[in-house]
Amino acid sequence: MKTAWFKVLTIALLLTLPTLGVAQTQKTRTGTEKTLVGYISDDSCGLQHTPGMDEVTCTLACAKNGKFVLADRAHKLVYNLDKTGQEKAREFAGMKVKVRGRLSGKTMRVTSIEAAA
């Protein structure tokens, strides 16, 4: 009796394991791409730069000891940029941009950055 019950449980487990893997894969890929508009800033200044400095100079100076971020001044939010975003952000320092990518919490997994009008 125990052997038959064990066989049933084993078969049930073998049938459900593949679907568990699929569910996990789908769950991690559910994030849809978003476009956020804001300014490329640095994690030290965030939404506001040092008074008396222009945004480009301040962003580049502060990012030397920190990281680039996307500052959404309209909503008063600051988003971290992933490694790809860090590389792409330098050329847009202090500028208003559109950042496209997947948002994971407060971090944007960047696919593209372009100047915003």
C-alpha atoms as a PDB file:
ATOM      1  CA  MET A   1       0.000   0.000   0.000  1.00  0.00           C
ATOM      2  CA  LYS A   2       2.831   2.392   0.906  1.00  0.00           C
ATOM      3  CA  THR A   3       4.623   1.603  -2.346  1.00  0.00           C
ATOM      4  CA  ALA A   4       1.571   2.458  -4.473  1.00  0.00           C
ATOM      5  CA  TRP A   5       1.066   5.726  -2.596  1.00  0.00           C
ATOM      6  CA  PHE A   6       4.750   6.576  -3.053  1.00  0.00           C
ATOM      7  CA  LYS A   7       4.474   5.915  -6.812  1.00  0.00           C
ATOM      8  CA  VAL A   8       1.434   8.213  -7.073  1.00  0.00           C
ATOM      9  CA  LEU A   9       3.244  11.001  -5.235  1.00  0.00           C
ATOM     10  CA  THR A  10       6.363  10.557  -7.362  1.00  0.00           C
ATOM     11  CA  ILE A  11       4.362  10.760 -10.602  1.00  0.00           C
ATOM     12  CA  ALA A  12       2.463  13.813  -9.357  1.00  0.00           C
ATOM     13  CA  LEU A  13       5.724  15.519  -8.421  1.00  0.00           C
ATOM     14  CA  LEU A  14       7.300  14.731 -11.781  1.00  0.00           C
ATOM     15  CA  LEU A  15       4.279  16.167 -13.592  1.00  0.00           C
ATOM     16  CA  THR A  16       4.246  19.415 -11.596  1.00  0.00           C
ATOM     17  CA  LEU A  17       7.989  20.200 -11.596  1.00  0.00           C
ATOM     18  CA  PRO A  18       8.104  21.374 -15.229  1.00  0.00           C
ATOM     19  CA  THR A  19       5.171  23.732 -14.670  1.00  0.00           C
ATOM     20  CA  LEU A  20       6.834  25.224 -11.588  1.00  0.00           C
ATOM     21  CA  GLY A  21       9.836  26.188 -13.723  1.00  0.00           C
ATOM     22  CA  VAL A  22       7.590  27.802 -16.324  1.00  0.00           C
ATOM     23  CA  ALA A  23       5.737  29.785 -13.679  1.00  0.00           C
ATOM     24  CA  GLN A  24       8.995  31.161 -12.284  1.00  0.00           C
ATOM     25  CA  THR A  25      10.248  32.128 -15.744  1.00  0.00           C
ATOM     26  CA  GLN A  26       7.025  33.941 -16.569  1.00  0.00           C
ATOM     27  CA  LYS A  27       7.018  35.706 -13.220  1.00  0.00           C
ATOM     28  CA  THR A  28      10.498  37.154 -13.736  1.00  0.00           C
ATOM     29  CA  ARG A  29       9.617  38.349 -17.235  1.00  0.00           C
ATOM     30  CA  THR A  30       6.354  40.086 -16.362  1.00  0.00           C
ATOM     31  CA  GLY A  31       7.888  43.570 -16.152  1.00  0.00           C
ATOM     32  CA  THR A  32       6.857  45.591 -19.160  1.00  0.00           C
ATOM     33  CA  GLU A  33       8.999  48.273 -20.693  1.00  0.00           C
ATOM     34  CA  LYS A  34       8.255  51.799 -19.553  1.00  0.00           C
ATOM     35  CA  THR A  35       9.379  55.215 -20.659  1.00  0.00           C
ATOM     36  CA  LEU A  36      10.208  57.707 -17.922  1.00  0.00           C
ATOM     37  CA  VAL A  37      10.965  61.382 -18.507  1.00  0.00           C
ATOM     38  CA  GLY A  38      13.309  63.288 -16.246  1.00  0.00           C
ATOM     39  CA  TYR A  39      16.797  64.689 -15.911  1.00  0.00           C
ATOM     40  CA  ILE A  40      20.069  62.807 -15.758  1.00  0.00           C
ATOM     41  CA  SER A  41      21.437  63.777 -12.366  1.00  0.00           C
ATOM     42  CA  ASP A  42      23.692  62.157  -9.784  1.00  0.00           C
ATOM     43  CA  ASP A  43      22.856  60.298  -6.582  1.00  0.00           C
ATOM     44  CA  SER A  44      24.365  63.047  -4.450  1.00  0.00           C
ATOM     45  CA  CYS A  45      22.237  65.919  -5.802  1.00  0.00           C
ATOM     46  CA  GLY A  46      19.152  63.998  -6.905  1.00  0.00           C
ATOM     47  CA  LEU A  47      16.361  66.466  -7.672  1.00  0.00           C
ATOM     48  CA  GLN A  48      18.328  69.691  -7.005  1.00  0.00           C
ATOM     49  CA  HIS A  49      21.877  70.664  -7.902  1.00  0.00           C
ATOM     50  CA  THR A  50      24.320  72.834  -6.027  1.00  0.00           C
ATOM     51  CA  PRO A  51      23.280  76.501  -6.314  1.00  0.00           C
ATOM     52  CA  GLY A  52      25.508  78.497  -8.648  1.00  0.00           C
ATOM     53  CA  MET A  53      26.598  75.508 -10.753  1.00  0.00           C
ATOM     54  CA  ASP A  54      25.078  74.580 -14.067  1.00  0.00           C
ATOM     55  CA  GLU A  55      23.441  71.155 -14.161  1.00  0.00           C
ATOM     56  CA  VAL A  56      25.909  69.538 -16.567  1.00  0.00           C
ATOM     57  CA  THR A  57      29.009  70.550 -14.594  1.00  0.00           C
ATOM     58  CA  CYS A  58      27.453  69.633 -11.248  1.00  0.00           C
ATOM     59  CA  THR A  59      26.187  66.251 -12.479  1.00  0.00           C
ATOM     60  CA  LEU A  60      29.533  65.252 -13.995  1.00  0.00           C
ATOM     61  CA  ALA A  61      31.492  66.430 -10.940  1.00  0.00           C
ATOM     62  CA  CYS A  62      29.275  64.647  -8.424  1.00  0.00           C
ATOM     63  CA  ALA A  63      28.956  61.463 -10.510  1.00  0.00           C
ATOM     64  CA  LYS A  64      32.746  60.990 -10.328  1.00  0.00           C
ATOM     65  CA  ASN A  65      32.261  59.912  -6.706  1.00  0.00           C
ATOM     66  CA  GLY A  66      28.794  58.438  -7.155  1.00  0.00           C
ATOM     67  CA  LYS A  67      26.366  57.295  -9.794  1.00  0.00           C
ATOM     68  CA  PHE A  68      24.024  58.750 -12.368  1.00  0.00           C
ATOM     69  CA  VAL A  69      20.299  58.725 -11.611  1.00  0.00           C
ATOM     70  CA  LEU A  70      17.103  59.766 -13.336  1.00  0.00           C
ATOM     71  CA  ALA A  71      15.469  62.659 -11.476  1.00  0.00           C
ATOM     72  CA  ASP A  72      11.739  62.915 -12.198  1.00  0.00           C
ATOM     73  CA  ARG A  73      11.139  66.432 -10.927  1.00  0.00           C
ATOM     74  CA  ALA A  74       7.455  66.446 -11.890  1.00  0.00           C
ATOM     75  CA  HIS A  75       6.734  63.555  -9.500  1.00  0.00           C
ATOM     76  CA  LYS A  76       9.629  64.255  -7.111  1.00  0.00           C
ATOM     77  CA  LEU A  77      11.112  60.783  -7.606  1.00  0.00           C
ATOM     78  CA  VAL A  78      14.673  59.620  -8.188  1.00  0.00           C
ATOM     79  CA  TYR A  79      15.391  56.349 -10.004  1.00  0.00           C
ATOM     80  CA  ASN A  80      18.673  54.444  -9.942  1.00  0.00           C
ATOM     81  CA  LEU A  81      20.084  53.368 -13.300  1.00  0.00           C
ATOM     82  CA  ASP A  82      21.577  49.927 -13.908  1.00  0.00           C
ATOM     83  CA  LYS A  83      25.059  49.357 -15.337  1.00  0.00           C
ATOM     84  CA  THR A  84      23.902  49.945 -18.916  1.00  0.00           C
ATOM     85  CA  GLY A  85      22.171  53.140 -17.809  1.00  0.00           C
ATOM     86  CA  GLN A  86      25.352  54.342 -16.102  1.00  0.00           C
ATOM     87  CA  GLU A  87      27.270  53.955 -19.347  1.00  0.00           C
ATOM     88  CA  LYS A  88      24.632  55.696 -21.480  1.00  0.00           C
ATOM     89  CA  ALA A  89      23.830  58.499 -19.021  1.00  0.00           C
ATOM     90  CA  ARG A  90      27.195  60.267 -19.175  1.00  0.00           C
ATOM     91  CA  GLU A  91      26.511  61.859 -22.568  1.00  0.00           C
ATOM     92  CA  PHE A  92      23.157  63.205 -21.266  1.00  0.00           C
ATOM     93  CA  ALA A  93      24.420  64.594 -17.934  1.00  0.00           C
ATOM     94  CA  GLY A  94      22.153  67.405 -16.716  1.00  0.00           C
ATOM     95  CA  MET A  95      19.804  67.072 -19.687  1.00  0.00           C
ATOM     96  CA  LYS A  96      16.103  66.278 -19.878  1.00  0.00           C
ATOM     97  CA  VAL A  97      15.748  62.759 -21.269  1.00  0.00           C
ATOM     98  CA  LYS A  98      13.417  59.874 -22.018  1.00  0.00           C
ATOM     99  CA  VAL A  99      14.659  56.638 -20.483  1.00  0.00           C
ATOM    100  CA  ARG A 100      13.192  53.380 -21.718  1.00  0.00           C
ATOM    101  CA  GLY A 101      13.551  50.111 -19.842  1.00  0.00           C
ATOM    102  CA  ARG A 102      12.127  47.835 -17.185  1.00  0.00           C
ATOM    103  CA  LEU A 103      11.415  49.294 -13.786  1.00  0.00           C
ATOM    104  CA  SER A 104      12.291  47.084 -10.825  1.00  0.00           C
ATOM    105  CA  GLY A 105      11.457  48.947  -7.635  1.00  0.00           C
ATOM    106  CA  LYS A 106      13.403  52.209  -7.850  1.00  0.00           C
ATOM    107  CA  THR A 107      15.943  50.856 -10.362  1.00  0.00           C
ATOM    108  CA  MET A 108      15.531  51.221 -14.117  1.00  0.00           C
ATOM    109  CA  ARG A 109      17.035  48.474 -16.261  1.00  0.00           C
ATOM    110  CA  VAL A 110      17.838  50.732 -19.198  1.00  0.00           C
ATOM    111  CA  THR A 111      17.416  49.797 -22.853  1.00  0.00           C
ATOM    112  CA  SER A 112      17.723  53.330 -24.251  1.00  0.00           C
ATOM    113  CA  ILE A 113      18.210  56.972 -23.324  1.00  0.00           C
ATOM    114  CA  GLU A 114      17.408  59.841 -25.662  1.00  0.00           C
ATOM    115  CA  ALA A 115      17.065  63.601 -25.341  1.00  0.00           C
ATOM    116  CA  ALA A 116      13.534  64.760 -24.524  1.00  0.00           C
ATOM    117  CA  ALA A 117      11.892  67.802 -26.062  1.00  0.00           C
END
